[in-house]
């Protein structure tokens, strides 16, 4: 019989006659697959490897015997957050700043080719657990049962996203298999099981305690780096800071009024004697978040080294990073506004309805205002005056010409914007960008984009440096080379300020000695120059060269001119606003119409779904009867 293929009326295959026999192709293919699997040894059940250390947490019943280990920010932040978490009922222990010994432990138990923040942070945890085992006689299982580590994670474009994997690998190799690493993500919250028996209760009290510890830590750090370079008695600033931190720690642990605690810190901080006539270069430290934040061997004690070399450090606060994340929310919401119906990406607005854009923008602006208000409230209560957090919209606008705002990773466009503002607004004499060796996001900016900035803005002193864990000498040598230029710039600026205001250093020093208000470490002169010393000259010169009536006359003239300028600008501002509103009216009207249409459609769909659900319930009930 000849071979032929026939089909039934519905299109399914029939058995084909082959040499007087029929053959089922599907059965033959299945038989062939089974024979090949048997020949290749693939016929058994496949066992997939599962990482058993992922998603581990602890229960409420274990809370009393569990100690949470925390670390990763500055010593002040970790210390105050420890007190805050103790105040809400947890056993907490902060880890010390990572040192070179921790770096070596990280390299021993970690994978090769990691950046040094990974080695330092992973090694710091493993080193602490080894200490518990070897010095305190605890078994590996006791360590696993009694301790957990709370850390941050991310899905960024660098090795930061692999930190938690490195923790687990190193812990297993060090003998602590099953140790619980609880991971905070940039999105998605804490990665642990949810339910009534969860040991870590993420309620508003928990987060409010962390926020208070973080903002208070920012205030303490900002005061320390502002005052310590000018202290008359070496170590007096650190002594005052330790006393202030203890007051804040007790308030957080005992859950008493944090504002009252900050107010108690003010006289302690005001007791440091300073000499504000010393010309010191101000160095703005930017770069990779961990490298510019840590205070240990991870960045070779960069901040203390700069102070020992005669500089004043302008550090980046954690509050600034919070403002950056809030800026990302409103920037992304604004760019995705026209994709609401179809945008179901991770950060998309799809399914949110016509109010999704408004909600995200309101949350972002509200959060921005709350962070700024909270910081200024804490700062003024403790006596930290004149400290302004960065304007994220301005940074994004000024940096967009050189670096796309949609490129994320590291500090994104903030490094570019901060350098430009430091130069244009005379915020610092020198900008130092520090990052780990091979840090992809920061190195691409510092070693690439910033070269264009330094060419366009002559006189910019920009020093990009990398840390590798064992290159301290070369690191210090490079910083000293640029710092020499910054010292010259600061000295020239100070002499120029004296000349412009017609006073001498001796006159300024004499006036400060007789004026407790201006001499106080809490006093911050208005910003006119890059250096605080030159600003102080501008602040006190009128009291030296002018009478009280002349000073009042000058203030009244300045106020009148300011009012006149405001009055002249107001009509133009109103006209511009009106013209802009008229120009955008059609687009706004179309958007409102679209929103109303979407809202009606969504409401109708919900009604139909509810009706269908009720109908199904009725039929089910009838069937049961």
Protein backbone atom coordinates (compact mmCIF):
# COMPACT_ATOMS: atom_id res chain seq x y z
CA UNK A 1 0.00 0.00 0.00
CA UNK A 2 1.40 3.40 -0.92
CA UNK A 3 2.13 5.98 1.76
CA UNK A 4 -0.43 8.72 2.12
CA UNK A 5 -1.58 11.23 4.62
CA UNK A 6 -5.26 11.68 5.40
CA UNK A 7 -7.08 13.92 7.87
CA UNK A 8 -10.46 13.78 9.48
CA UNK A 9 -13.10 16.43 8.88
CA UNK A 10 -12.00 18.37 11.96
CA UNK A 11 -8.37 18.47 10.84
CA UNK A 12 -6.88 15.84 13.19
CA UNK A 13 -4.35 13.33 11.90
CA UNK A 14 -5.24 9.73 11.14
CA UNK A 15 -2.86 6.78 11.30
CA UNK A 16 -0.87 6.47 8.11
CA UNK A 17 -0.62 3.20 6.28
CA UNK A 18 3.04 2.24 5.80
CA UNK A 19 3.86 -0.98 4.02
CA UNK A 20 0.61 -2.53 5.06
CA UNK A 21 0.84 -1.21 8.62
CA UNK A 22 -0.32 1.93 10.34
CA UNK A 23 1.97 4.29 12.36
CA UNK A 24 1.09 6.79 15.11
CA UNK A 25 3.63 9.63 14.70
CA UNK A 26 3.04 11.09 18.17
CA UNK A 27 3.57 7.72 19.81
CA UNK A 28 6.72 7.09 17.79
CA UNK A 29 8.15 10.48 18.73
CA UNK A 30 7.35 9.90 22.41
CA UNK A 31 9.00 6.46 22.23
CA UNK A 32 12.07 7.94 20.56
CA UNK A 33 12.33 10.64 23.26
CA UNK A 34 12.02 8.03 26.02
CA UNK A 35 14.72 5.84 24.44
CA UNK A 36 17.09 8.81 24.10
CA UNK A 37 16.50 9.91 27.68
CA UNK A 38 17.28 6.37 28.87
CA UNK A 39 20.42 6.20 26.72
CA UNK A 40 21.63 9.58 28.07
CA UNK A 41 20.73 8.80 31.67
CA UNK A 42 18.03 11.45 31.82
CA UNK A 43 15.10 9.17 32.59
CA UNK A 44 15.29 9.71 36.35
CA UNK A 45 13.68 12.53 38.34
CA UNK A 46 15.55 15.83 38.05
CA UNK A 47 16.55 17.39 41.34
CA UNK A 48 16.90 21.18 41.19
CA UNK A 49 19.28 22.94 43.58
CA UNK A 50 17.56 25.39 45.91
CA UNK A 51 19.32 28.04 48.00
CA UNK A 52 18.07 27.20 51.48
CA UNK A 53 19.44 30.41 53.01
CA UNK A 54 17.11 32.63 50.95
CA UNK A 55 14.01 34.04 52.63
CA UNK A 56 14.96 33.02 56.17
CA UNK A 57 13.43 35.03 58.99
CA UNK A 58 12.40 34.57 62.59
CA UNK A 59 9.12 34.31 64.45
CA UNK A 60 7.66 36.39 67.26
CA UNK A 61 8.22 33.53 69.67
CA UNK A 62 11.96 33.77 68.89
CA UNK A 63 12.26 37.54 69.27
CA UNK A 64 13.44 37.45 72.90
CA UNK A 65 16.44 35.24 72.09
CA UNK A 66 17.34 36.78 68.70
CA UNK A 67 19.89 39.59 68.37
CA UNK A 68 19.78 41.65 65.18
CA UNK A 69 23.15 42.77 63.85
CA UNK A 70 23.16 46.04 61.90
CA UNK A 71 25.82 48.08 60.11
CA UNK A 72 26.72 49.80 56.89
CA UNK A 73 26.16 53.49 57.62
CA UNK A 74 28.30 55.83 59.70
CA UNK A 75 29.04 55.00 63.32
CA UNK A 76 26.63 57.71 64.51
CA UNK A 77 23.79 56.36 62.36
CA UNK A 78 24.33 52.74 63.38
CA UNK A 79 24.60 53.67 67.06
CA UNK A 80 21.39 55.74 67.11
CA UNK A 81 19.44 53.24 65.01
CA UNK A 82 20.51 50.56 67.49
CA UNK A 83 18.98 52.63 70.28
CA UNK A 84 15.81 53.23 68.28
CA UNK A 85 15.27 49.53 67.53
CA UNK A 86 15.94 48.61 71.14
CA UNK A 87 13.26 51.13 72.04
CA UNK A 88 10.64 49.24 70.01
CA UNK A 89 11.48 45.89 71.62
CA UNK A 90 14.33 44.27 69.69
CA UNK A 91 17.73 43.04 70.79
CA UNK A 92 20.16 44.90 68.53
CA UNK A 93 23.94 45.07 68.21
CA UNK A 94 25.72 47.43 65.82
CA UNK A 95 28.91 46.24 64.13
CA UNK A 96 32.07 48.32 64.26
CA UNK A 97 33.33 50.08 61.14
CA UNK A 98 34.96 47.51 58.83
CA UNK A 99 38.74 47.37 59.14
CA UNK A 100 41.54 45.76 57.14
CA UNK A 101 41.18 42.51 59.09
CA UNK A 102 37.54 42.34 57.92
CA UNK A 103 38.75 43.00 54.37
CA UNK A 104 41.07 40.00 54.54
CA UNK A 105 38.29 37.78 55.93
CA UNK A 106 36.04 38.93 53.09
CA UNK A 107 38.67 38.02 50.50
CA UNK A 108 39.22 34.65 52.18
CA UNK A 109 35.60 33.57 52.15
CA UNK A 110 34.23 35.65 49.26
CA UNK A 111 34.35 35.19 45.53
CA UNK A 112 37.18 36.67 43.52
CA UNK A 113 36.69 39.86 41.54
CA UNK A 114 34.35 41.62 43.96
CA UNK A 115 34.64 45.33 44.77
CA UNK A 116 36.16 46.19 48.11
CA UNK A 117 32.86 47.34 49.77
CA UNK A 118 31.69 43.75 49.30
CA UNK A 119 34.82 42.37 50.91
CA UNK A 120 34.71 44.86 53.79
CA UNK A 121 31.00 44.48 54.61
CA UNK A 122 30.83 40.70 54.15
CA UNK A 123 34.11 40.20 56.00
CA UNK A 124 32.97 42.45 58.84
CA UNK A 125 29.96 40.23 59.53
CA UNK A 126 31.86 36.95 59.21
CA UNK A 127 34.68 38.30 61.38
CA UNK A 128 32.19 39.18 64.15
CA UNK A 129 30.62 35.72 64.03
CA UNK A 130 34.04 34.04 64.13
CA UNK A 131 34.83 36.15 67.19
CA UNK A 132 31.66 34.87 68.88
CA UNK A 133 32.74 31.32 68.12
CA UNK A 134 36.42 31.53 69.05
CA UNK A 135 36.45 34.06 71.91
CA UNK A 136 33.06 33.49 73.50
CA UNK A 137 32.91 29.71 72.99
CA UNK A 138 29.65 29.66 71.04
CA UNK A 139 29.04 26.81 68.62
CA UNK A 140 28.19 27.46 64.98
CA UNK A 141 24.61 26.39 65.59
CA UNK A 142 24.25 28.71 68.58
CA UNK A 143 25.41 31.62 66.44
CA UNK A 144 22.94 30.70 63.71
CA UNK A 145 20.09 30.34 66.19
CA UNK A 146 20.74 33.52 68.20
CA UNK A 147 21.74 36.11 65.58
CA UNK A 148 20.37 37.56 62.33
CA UNK A 149 21.80 40.27 60.10
CA UNK A 150 19.69 43.12 58.73
CA UNK A 151 21.14 44.79 55.65
CA UNK A 152 20.22 46.65 52.48
CA UNK A 153 20.00 45.19 48.99
CA UNK A 154 19.41 46.42 45.48
CA UNK A 155 18.99 45.33 41.89
CA UNK A 156 21.34 48.00 40.56
CA UNK A 157 23.74 47.73 37.63
CA UNK A 158 26.77 46.93 39.80
CA UNK A 159 27.87 44.30 42.28
CA UNK A 160 25.76 45.86 45.05
CA UNK A 161 22.95 43.61 43.82
CA UNK A 162 25.10 40.57 44.64
CA UNK A 163 25.95 41.57 48.21
CA UNK A 164 23.40 39.28 49.81
CA UNK A 165 24.59 36.32 47.72
CA UNK A 166 28.13 37.03 48.83
CA UNK A 167 26.97 37.13 52.46
CA UNK A 168 25.38 33.71 52.14
CA UNK A 169 28.33 32.17 50.30
CA UNK A 170 30.86 33.49 52.84
CA UNK A 171 28.71 32.49 55.81
CA UNK A 172 28.33 28.94 54.51
CA UNK A 173 32.05 28.59 53.83
CA UNK A 174 32.87 29.97 57.30
CA UNK A 175 30.72 27.28 58.92
CA UNK A 176 27.54 29.28 59.54
CA UNK A 177 25.26 27.52 57.08
CA UNK A 178 21.67 28.65 57.63
CA UNK A 179 22.56 32.04 59.12
CA UNK A 180 19.70 34.46 58.47
CA UNK A 181 20.43 37.51 56.33
CA UNK A 182 17.31 39.65 56.17
CA UNK A 183 17.39 41.89 53.14
CA UNK A 184 15.82 45.31 52.69
CA UNK A 185 15.26 46.01 48.99
CA UNK A 186 15.01 49.43 47.33
CA UNK A 187 11.55 48.27 46.35
CA UNK A 188 9.40 45.57 47.82
CA UNK A 189 10.27 46.02 51.47
CA UNK A 190 11.68 43.30 53.68
CA UNK A 191 12.11 39.93 52.02
CA UNK A 192 10.64 37.65 54.65
CA UNK A 193 7.42 35.76 55.12
CA UNK A 194 4.35 37.70 56.16
CA UNK A 195 1.77 36.75 58.72
CA UNK A 196 0.87 37.04 62.38
CA UNK A 197 3.94 35.08 63.50
CA UNK A 198 6.55 37.27 61.79
CA UNK A 199 9.28 38.29 64.21
CA UNK A 200 10.13 41.62 62.61
CA UNK A 201 6.98 43.74 62.77
CA UNK A 202 7.27 46.45 60.09
CA UNK A 203 4.81 48.88 61.62
CA UNK A 204 4.91 52.71 61.69
CA UNK A 205 6.60 52.64 65.11
CA UNK A 206 9.45 50.56 63.69
CA UNK A 207 10.04 52.87 60.73
CA UNK A 208 9.61 56.05 62.77
CA UNK A 209 12.33 54.85 65.11
CA UNK A 210 14.71 54.24 62.18
CA UNK A 211 13.90 57.65 60.66
CA UNK A 212 14.59 59.44 63.93
CA UNK A 213 17.91 57.63 64.27
CA UNK A 214 18.92 58.44 60.69
CA UNK A 215 18.04 62.14 60.81
CA UNK A 216 19.61 62.59 64.25
CA UNK A 217 22.73 60.84 62.93
CA UNK A 218 22.83 63.27 60.00
CA UNK A 219 22.66 66.25 62.36
CA UNK A 220 25.44 64.90 64.58
CA UNK A 221 27.70 64.16 61.61
CA UNK A 222 27.07 67.52 59.95
CA UNK A 223 27.94 69.36 63.18
CA UNK A 224 31.09 67.32 63.71
CA UNK A 225 32.53 67.89 60.25
CA UNK A 226 31.66 71.61 60.39
CA UNK A 227 33.26 72.29 63.79
CA UNK A 228 36.08 69.78 64.30
CA UNK A 229 38.59 71.42 61.87
CA UNK A 230 38.45 74.66 63.89
CA UNK A 231 38.54 73.31 67.45
CA UNK A 232 41.09 74.92 69.76
CA UNK A 233 41.47 71.86 71.99
CA UNK A 234 42.15 68.72 69.99
CA UNK A 235 39.51 66.08 70.65
CA UNK A 236 36.99 68.44 72.26
CA UNK A 237 34.53 68.09 69.35
CA UNK A 238 34.58 64.29 69.49
CA UNK A 239 34.09 64.42 73.26
CA UNK A 240 31.03 66.67 72.86
CA UNK A 241 29.66 64.45 70.09
CA UNK A 242 29.95 61.32 72.25
CA UNK A 243 28.02 63.02 75.06
CA UNK A 244 25.35 64.22 72.62
CA UNK A 245 25.01 60.78 71.02
CA UNK A 246 24.55 59.21 74.45
CA UNK A 247 21.72 61.66 75.24
CA UNK A 248 20.02 60.86 71.92
CA UNK A 249 20.59 57.12 72.35
CA UNK A 250 18.91 57.11 75.75
CA UNK A 251 15.96 59.08 74.38
CA UNK A 252 15.51 56.65 71.48
CA UNK A 253 15.92 53.57 73.65
CA UNK A 254 13.52 54.81 76.34
CA UNK A 255 11.16 56.36 73.75
CA UNK A 256 11.18 59.77 75.38
CA UNK A 257 10.85 63.06 73.49
CA UNK A 258 13.57 63.23 70.84
CA UNK A 259 13.17 67.00 70.47
CA UNK A 260 13.87 67.49 74.16
CA UNK A 261 16.96 65.31 73.78
CA UNK A 262 18.20 67.39 70.84
CA UNK A 263 17.62 70.55 72.88
CA UNK A 264 19.76 69.06 75.68
CA UNK A 265 22.51 68.44 73.14
CA UNK A 266 22.70 72.12 72.13
CA UNK A 267 24.65 73.41 75.18
CA UNK A 268 26.94 70.38 74.97
CA UNK A 269 27.78 71.13 71.34
CA UNK A 270 28.02 74.87 72.02
CA UNK A 271 30.76 74.24 74.59
CA UNK A 272 33.44 73.50 71.98
CA UNK A 273 35.91 76.38 71.58
CA UNK A 274 36.80 77.19 67.98
CA UNK A 275 39.07 79.54 66.02
CA UNK A 276 37.20 80.72 62.94
CA UNK A 277 40.03 82.80 61.54
CA UNK A 278 41.98 79.80 60.23
CA UNK A 279 41.78 79.56 56.44
CA UNK A 280 40.86 75.98 55.58
CA UNK A 281 39.85 74.57 52.19
CA UNK A 282 36.39 73.05 52.06
CA UNK A 283 36.39 69.64 50.34
CA UNK A 284 33.08 68.26 49.09
CA UNK A 285 33.14 64.44 49.22
CA UNK A 286 30.95 62.75 46.62
CA UNK A 287 31.02 59.41 44.81
CA UNK A 288 29.87 55.85 45.48
CA UNK A 289 27.53 55.79 48.47
CA UNK A 290 29.36 53.29 50.69
CA UNK A 291 32.84 54.58 49.90
CA UNK A 292 31.97 58.18 50.72
CA UNK A 293 29.94 57.22 53.83
CA UNK A 294 32.07 54.68 55.68
CA UNK A 295 34.48 55.95 58.31
CA UNK A 296 36.89 53.02 58.51
CA UNK A 297 39.60 51.39 56.46
CA UNK A 298 37.17 51.01 53.55
CA UNK A 299 38.07 54.52 52.37
CA UNK A 300 41.33 54.77 54.36
CA UNK A 301 39.66 57.04 56.96
CA UNK A 302 39.34 59.64 54.21
CA UNK A 303 37.45 62.21 56.28
CA UNK A 304 39.92 62.15 59.17
CA UNK A 305 42.86 62.22 56.75
CA UNK A 306 41.52 65.38 55.10
CA UNK A 307 41.05 67.03 58.48
CA UNK A 308 44.57 66.09 59.55
CA UNK A 309 45.84 67.67 56.33
CA UNK A 310 44.09 70.94 57.23
CA UNK A 311 40.81 70.67 55.31
CA UNK A 312 37.13 70.92 56.21
CA UNK A 313 34.94 68.08 54.90
CA UNK A 314 31.56 68.70 53.34
CA UNK A 315 29.92 65.26 53.54
CA UNK A 316 26.78 63.94 51.87
CA UNK A 317 23.99 63.14 54.32
CA UNK A 318 21.66 60.15 54.23
CA UNK A 319 18.75 62.60 54.00
CA UNK A 320 20.09 63.70 50.59
CA UNK A 321 19.84 60.12 49.35
CA UNK A 322 16.22 59.96 50.54
CA UNK A 323 15.51 63.14 48.58
CA UNK A 324 17.12 61.60 45.49
CA UNK A 325 14.89 58.51 45.67
CA UNK A 326 11.83 60.76 46.03
CA UNK A 327 12.98 62.77 43.00
CA UNK A 328 13.18 59.51 41.03
CA UNK A 329 9.52 58.81 41.84
CA UNK A 330 8.22 62.10 40.47
CA UNK A 331 10.61 62.12 37.52
CA UNK A 332 9.54 58.63 36.43
CA UNK A 333 5.87 59.39 37.03
CA UNK A 334 6.11 62.52 34.90
CA UNK A 335 7.84 60.68 32.04
CA UNK A 336 5.36 57.79 32.14
CA UNK A 337 2.27 59.99 32.45
CA UNK A 338 1.13 59.26 28.90
CA UNK A 339 1.64 55.48 29.27
CA UNK A 340 -0.80 54.91 32.09
CA UNK A 341 -3.07 52.52 30.22
CA UNK A 342 -0.39 50.24 28.78
CA UNK A 343 2.60 50.67 31.09
CA UNK A 344 2.76 47.63 33.37
CA UNK A 345 6.51 47.75 33.97
CA UNK A 346 8.00 47.49 37.45
CA UNK A 347 7.77 51.24 38.01
CA UNK A 348 4.88 51.74 35.62
CA UNK A 349 1.52 53.33 36.23
CA UNK A 350 -0.62 50.77 34.42
CA UNK A 351 -3.69 49.72 36.36
CA UNK A 352 -3.46 52.71 38.65
CA UNK A 353 -6.26 54.60 37.04
CA UNK A 354 -6.38 58.27 36.07
CA UNK A 355 -5.22 59.38 39.50
CA UNK A 356 -1.99 57.32 39.49
CA UNK A 357 0.18 60.18 38.23
CA UNK A 358 -1.28 62.64 40.70
CA UNK A 359 -0.85 60.17 43.55
CA UNK A 360 2.81 59.50 42.79
CA UNK A 361 3.59 63.19 42.34
CA UNK A 362 1.78 64.06 45.58
CA UNK A 363 3.64 61.33 47.48
CA UNK A 364 6.97 62.48 46.09
CA UNK A 365 6.44 66.19 46.82
CA UNK A 366 4.94 65.42 50.22
CA UNK A 367 7.83 63.12 51.12
CA UNK A 368 10.35 65.71 49.96
CA UNK A 369 8.74 68.37 52.14
CA UNK A 370 8.55 65.99 55.12
CA UNK A 371 12.24 65.01 54.91
CA UNK A 372 13.35 68.64 54.66
CA UNK A 373 11.05 69.80 57.45
CA UNK A 374 12.08 66.98 59.75
CA UNK A 375 15.79 67.57 59.12
CA UNK A 376 15.55 71.32 59.72
CA UNK A 377 13.48 70.76 62.87
CA UNK A 378 16.07 68.34 64.27
CA UNK A 379 18.96 70.55 63.13
CA UNK A 380 17.66 73.75 64.71
CA UNK A 381 16.78 71.95 67.94
CA UNK A 382 20.42 70.81 68.23
CA UNK A 383 21.91 74.13 67.10
CA UNK A 384 22.92 73.17 63.55
CA UNK A 385 22.02 76.38 61.73
CA UNK A 386 22.36 77.33 58.10
CA UNK A 387 22.55 73.80 56.69
CA UNK A 388 20.55 73.42 53.48
CA UNK A 389 19.76 70.12 51.83
CA UNK A 390 20.36 69.86 48.10
CA UNK A 391 17.67 70.89 45.60
CA UNK A 392 17.24 67.68 43.59
CA UNK A 393 15.28 69.32 40.79
CA UNK A 394 18.03 71.91 40.33
CA UNK A 395 20.74 69.23 40.34
CA UNK A 396 18.84 67.23 37.72
CA UNK A 397 18.30 70.29 35.53
CA UNK A 398 21.88 71.49 35.66
CA UNK A 399 23.40 68.05 35.02
CA UNK A 400 21.07 66.91 32.24
CA UNK A 401 23.17 68.59 29.54
CA UNK A 402 26.10 66.34 30.43
CA UNK A 403 24.52 63.18 31.88
CA UNK A 404 21.08 61.74 31.14
CA UNK A 405 18.84 61.82 34.20
CA UNK A 406 17.41 58.41 33.29
CA UNK A 407 20.78 56.69 33.72
CA UNK A 408 20.71 55.17 37.16
CA UNK A 409 23.29 53.42 39.29
CA UNK A 410 25.52 54.83 41.99
CA UNK A 411 24.53 58.44 42.52
CA UNK A 412 23.31 58.76 38.94
CA UNK A 413 23.51 62.33 37.69
CA UNK A 414 24.06 63.74 41.20
CA UNK A 415 27.85 63.54 40.94
CA UNK A 416 27.79 65.75 37.84
CA UNK A 417 25.29 68.21 39.27
CA UNK A 418 27.09 68.53 42.59
CA UNK A 419 30.42 69.30 40.92
CA UNK A 420 28.85 72.03 38.78
CA UNK A 421 27.06 73.59 41.77
CA UNK A 422 30.23 73.44 43.86
CA UNK A 423 31.97 75.54 41.22
CA UNK A 424 29.18 77.87 40.07
CA UNK A 425 27.79 78.58 43.56
CA UNK A 426 31.16 78.50 45.34
CA UNK A 427 30.08 75.71 47.66
CA UNK A 428 33.54 74.13 48.00
CA UNK A 429 37.14 74.74 47.01
CA UNK A 430 37.68 71.14 45.94
CA UNK A 431 35.43 68.24 44.98
CA UNK A 432 36.67 64.73 45.72
CA UNK A 433 34.93 61.73 44.17
CA UNK A 434 35.74 58.47 45.94
CA UNK A 435 34.67 55.06 44.72
CA UNK A 436 35.85 51.45 44.93
CA UNK A 437 38.28 50.15 42.35
CA UNK A 438 36.29 49.12 39.29
CA UNK A 439 33.03 50.68 40.46
CA UNK A 440 31.15 50.83 37.16
CA UNK A 441 28.51 53.54 37.80
CA UNK A 442 30.80 56.01 39.60
CA UNK A 443 33.94 55.41 37.54
CA UNK A 444 32.04 56.06 34.31
CA UNK A 445 31.03 59.47 35.65
CA UNK A 446 34.16 60.52 37.53
CA UNK A 447 36.70 59.40 34.95
CA UNK A 448 34.61 60.22 31.90
CA UNK A 449 31.85 62.84 32.13
CA UNK A 450 33.55 64.97 34.78
CA UNK A 451 36.49 65.66 32.46
CA UNK A 452 34.13 67.68 30.27
CA UNK A 453 32.91 69.60 33.32
CA UNK A 454 36.43 70.55 34.40
CA UNK A 455 37.19 71.80 30.89
CA UNK A 456 34.06 73.93 30.69
CA UNK A 457 34.53 75.41 34.17
CA UNK A 458 38.17 76.55 34.46
CA UNK A 459 39.62 76.59 37.94
CA UNK A 460 37.70 73.49 39.01
CA UNK A 461 39.67 71.37 41.45
CA UNK A 462 38.30 67.85 40.98
CA UNK A 463 40.05 64.79 42.39
CA UNK A 464 38.73 61.32 41.43
CA UNK A 465 40.20 58.54 43.57
CA UNK A 466 39.64 54.81 43.88
CA UNK A 467 39.98 52.53 46.90
CA UNK A 468 41.15 48.95 46.53
CA UNK A 469 41.62 47.95 50.16
CA UNK A 470 45.41 47.93 49.98
CA UNK A 471 46.43 51.08 48.11
CA UNK A 472 46.52 53.58 50.95
CA UNK A 473 49.84 55.27 50.07
CA UNK A 474 48.95 55.98 46.44
CA UNK A 475 45.48 57.14 47.51
CA UNK A 476 46.84 59.64 50.05
CA UNK A 477 49.49 60.89 47.63
CA UNK A 478 46.90 61.71 44.97
CA UNK A 479 44.61 63.49 47.44
CA UNK A 480 47.50 65.56 48.82
CA UNK A 481 48.43 66.70 45.31
CA UNK A 482 44.98 68.20 44.69
CA UNK A 483 44.61 69.39 48.28
CA UNK A 484 47.69 71.58 47.87
CA UNK A 485 45.85 73.52 45.15
CA UNK A 486 42.73 73.75 47.32
CA UNK A 487 44.74 75.18 50.23
CA UNK A 488 46.13 77.89 47.98
CA UNK A 489 42.64 78.70 46.71
CA UNK A 490 41.27 78.93 50.26
CA UNK A 491 44.08 81.19 51.43
CA UNK A 492 43.70 83.48 48.40
CA UNK A 493 39.93 83.65 48.95
CA UNK A 494 40.38 84.54 52.63
CA UNK A 495 42.83 87.33 51.84
CA UNK A 496 40.51 88.61 49.10
CA UNK A 497 37.61 88.68 51.58
CA UNK A 498 39.67 90.69 54.06
CA UNK A 499 40.62 93.15 51.33
CA UNK A 500 37.11 93.47 49.92
CA UNK A 501 35.65 94.26 53.34
CA UNK A 502 38.49 96.49 54.53
CA UNK A 503 39.50 94.57 57.64
CA UNK A 504 42.53 92.63 58.86
CA UNK A 505 42.77 89.14 60.33
CA UNK A 506 43.76 90.65 63.68
CA UNK A 507 40.66 92.88 63.72
CA UNK A 508 38.41 89.92 62.94
CA UNK A 509 40.06 87.81 65.61
CA UNK A 510 39.77 90.58 68.20
CA UNK A 511 36.10 91.10 67.40
CA UNK A 512 35.33 87.36 67.68
CA UNK A 513 37.04 87.18 71.07
CA UNK A 514 34.72 89.91 72.36
CA UNK A 515 31.53 88.54 70.73
CA UNK A 516 30.17 85.26 72.19
CA UNK A 517 27.46 85.10 69.51
CA UNK A 518 29.81 85.09 66.50
CA UNK A 519 32.47 83.08 68.34
CA UNK A 520 30.06 80.25 69.13
CA UNK A 521 30.57 76.99 67.17
CA UNK A 522 26.83 77.02 66.47
CA UNK A 523 26.95 80.31 64.57
CA UNK A 524 26.94 79.93 60.76
CA UNK A 525 27.67 83.01 58.66
CA UNK A 526 25.62 83.64 55.52
CA UNK A 527 27.02 82.09 52.35
CA UNK A 528 29.11 84.43 50.20
CA UNK A 529 32.33 82.49 49.64
CA UNK A 530 33.34 78.84 49.42
CA UNK A 531 35.13 78.89 52.78
CA UNK A 532 33.48 79.37 56.15
CA UNK A 533 36.41 81.61 57.18
CA UNK A 534 35.77 84.08 54.37
CA UNK A 535 32.04 84.00 55.13
CA UNK A 536 32.85 84.93 58.72
CA UNK A 537 34.84 87.95 57.48
CA UNK A 538 31.83 89.11 55.45
CA UNK A 539 29.57 88.66 58.49
CA UNK A 540 31.65 90.56 61.07
CA UNK A 541 33.25 93.26 58.87
CA UNK A 542 30.23 95.63 59.10
CA UNK A 543 30.47 95.50 62.92
CA UNK A 544 34.12 96.56 62.68
CA UNK A 545 34.00 99.21 59.95
CA UNK A 546 30.52 100.71 60.39
CA UNK A 547 28.44 102.27 63.13
CA UNK A 548 25.11 100.86 64.23
CA UNK A 549 23.16 103.54 62.32
CA UNK A 550 25.13 102.82 59.15
CA UNK A 551 24.42 99.12 59.47
CA UNK A 552 20.68 99.77 59.93
CA UNK A 553 20.66 102.16 56.99
CA UNK A 554 22.36 99.54 54.84
CA UNK A 555 19.87 96.88 55.87
CA UNK A 556 16.92 99.17 55.10
CA UNK A 557 18.35 100.01 51.67
CA UNK A 558 18.92 96.33 50.94
CA UNK A 559 15.38 95.50 52.05
CA UNK A 560 13.93 98.30 49.93
CA UNK A 561 15.89 97.22 46.86
CA UNK A 562 14.80 93.65 47.37
CA UNK A 563 11.18 94.68 47.69
CA UNK A 564 11.48 96.84 44.58
CA UNK A 565 12.96 93.98 42.57
CA UNK A 566 10.23 91.65 43.78
CA UNK A 567 7.53 94.17 42.83
CA UNK A 568 9.05 94.62 39.37
CA UNK A 569 9.32 90.88 38.80
CA UNK A 570 5.84 90.02 40.09
CA UNK A 571 3.87 91.32 37.04
CA UNK A 572 6.20 89.45 34.71
CA UNK A 573 5.83 86.29 36.73
CA UNK A 574 2.03 86.60 36.64
CA UNK A 575 2.08 87.24 32.89
CA UNK A 576 4.35 84.27 32.29
CA UNK A 577 2.15 82.02 34.40
CA UNK A 578 -0.95 83.20 32.53
CA UNK A 579 0.67 82.73 29.12
CA UNK A 580 1.89 79.28 30.08
CA UNK A 581 -1.56 78.32 31.34
CA UNK A 582 -3.20 79.52 28.11
CA UNK A 583 -0.63 77.67 25.99
CA UNK A 584 -1.06 74.40 27.88
CA UNK A 585 -4.84 74.67 28.30
CA UNK A 586 -5.74 72.43 25.31
CA UNK A 587 -3.37 69.68 26.47
CA UNK A 588 -4.65 69.93 30.03
CA UNK A 589 -8.26 69.82 28.85
CA UNK A 590 -7.51 66.75 26.72
CA UNK A 591 -5.84 65.06 29.67
CA UNK A 592 -8.78 65.80 31.97
CA UNK A 593 -11.19 64.46 29.36
CA UNK A 594 -9.07 61.32 28.99
CA UNK A 595 -8.91 60.88 32.75
CA UNK A 596 -12.68 61.19 33.10
CA UNK A 597 -13.23 58.67 30.31
CA UNK A 598 -10.82 56.21 31.91
CA UNK A 599 -12.44 56.73 35.30
CA UNK A 600 -15.93 56.03 33.91
CA UNK A 601 -14.70 52.94 32.09
CA UNK A 602 -12.97 51.59 35.18
CA UNK A 603 -16.03 52.21 37.32
CA UNK A 604 -18.25 50.49 34.76
CA UNK A 605 -15.86 47.54 34.57
CA UNK A 606 -15.87 47.21 38.37
CA UNK A 607 -19.68 47.24 38.37
CA UNK A 608 -19.79 44.53 35.69
CA UNK A 609 -17.27 42.43 37.61
CA UNK A 610 -19.27 42.86 40.82
CA UNK A 611 -22.47 41.91 39.03
CA UNK A 612 -20.85 38.79 37.55
CA UNK A 613 -19.52 37.81 40.97
CA UNK A 614 -22.95 38.21 42.54
CA UNK A 615 -24.52 36.18 39.76
CA UNK A 616 -22.03 33.35 40.19
CA UNK A 617 -22.58 33.39 43.95
CA UNK A 618 -26.35 33.19 43.45
CA UNK A 619 -26.00 30.23 41.06
CA UNK A 620 -23.64 28.45 43.44
CA UNK A 621 -26.05 28.97 46.31
CA UNK A 622 -28.94 27.66 44.22
CA UNK A 623 -26.91 24.62 43.18
CA UNK A 624 -26.05 23.82 46.79
CA UNK A 625 -29.75 24.01 47.75
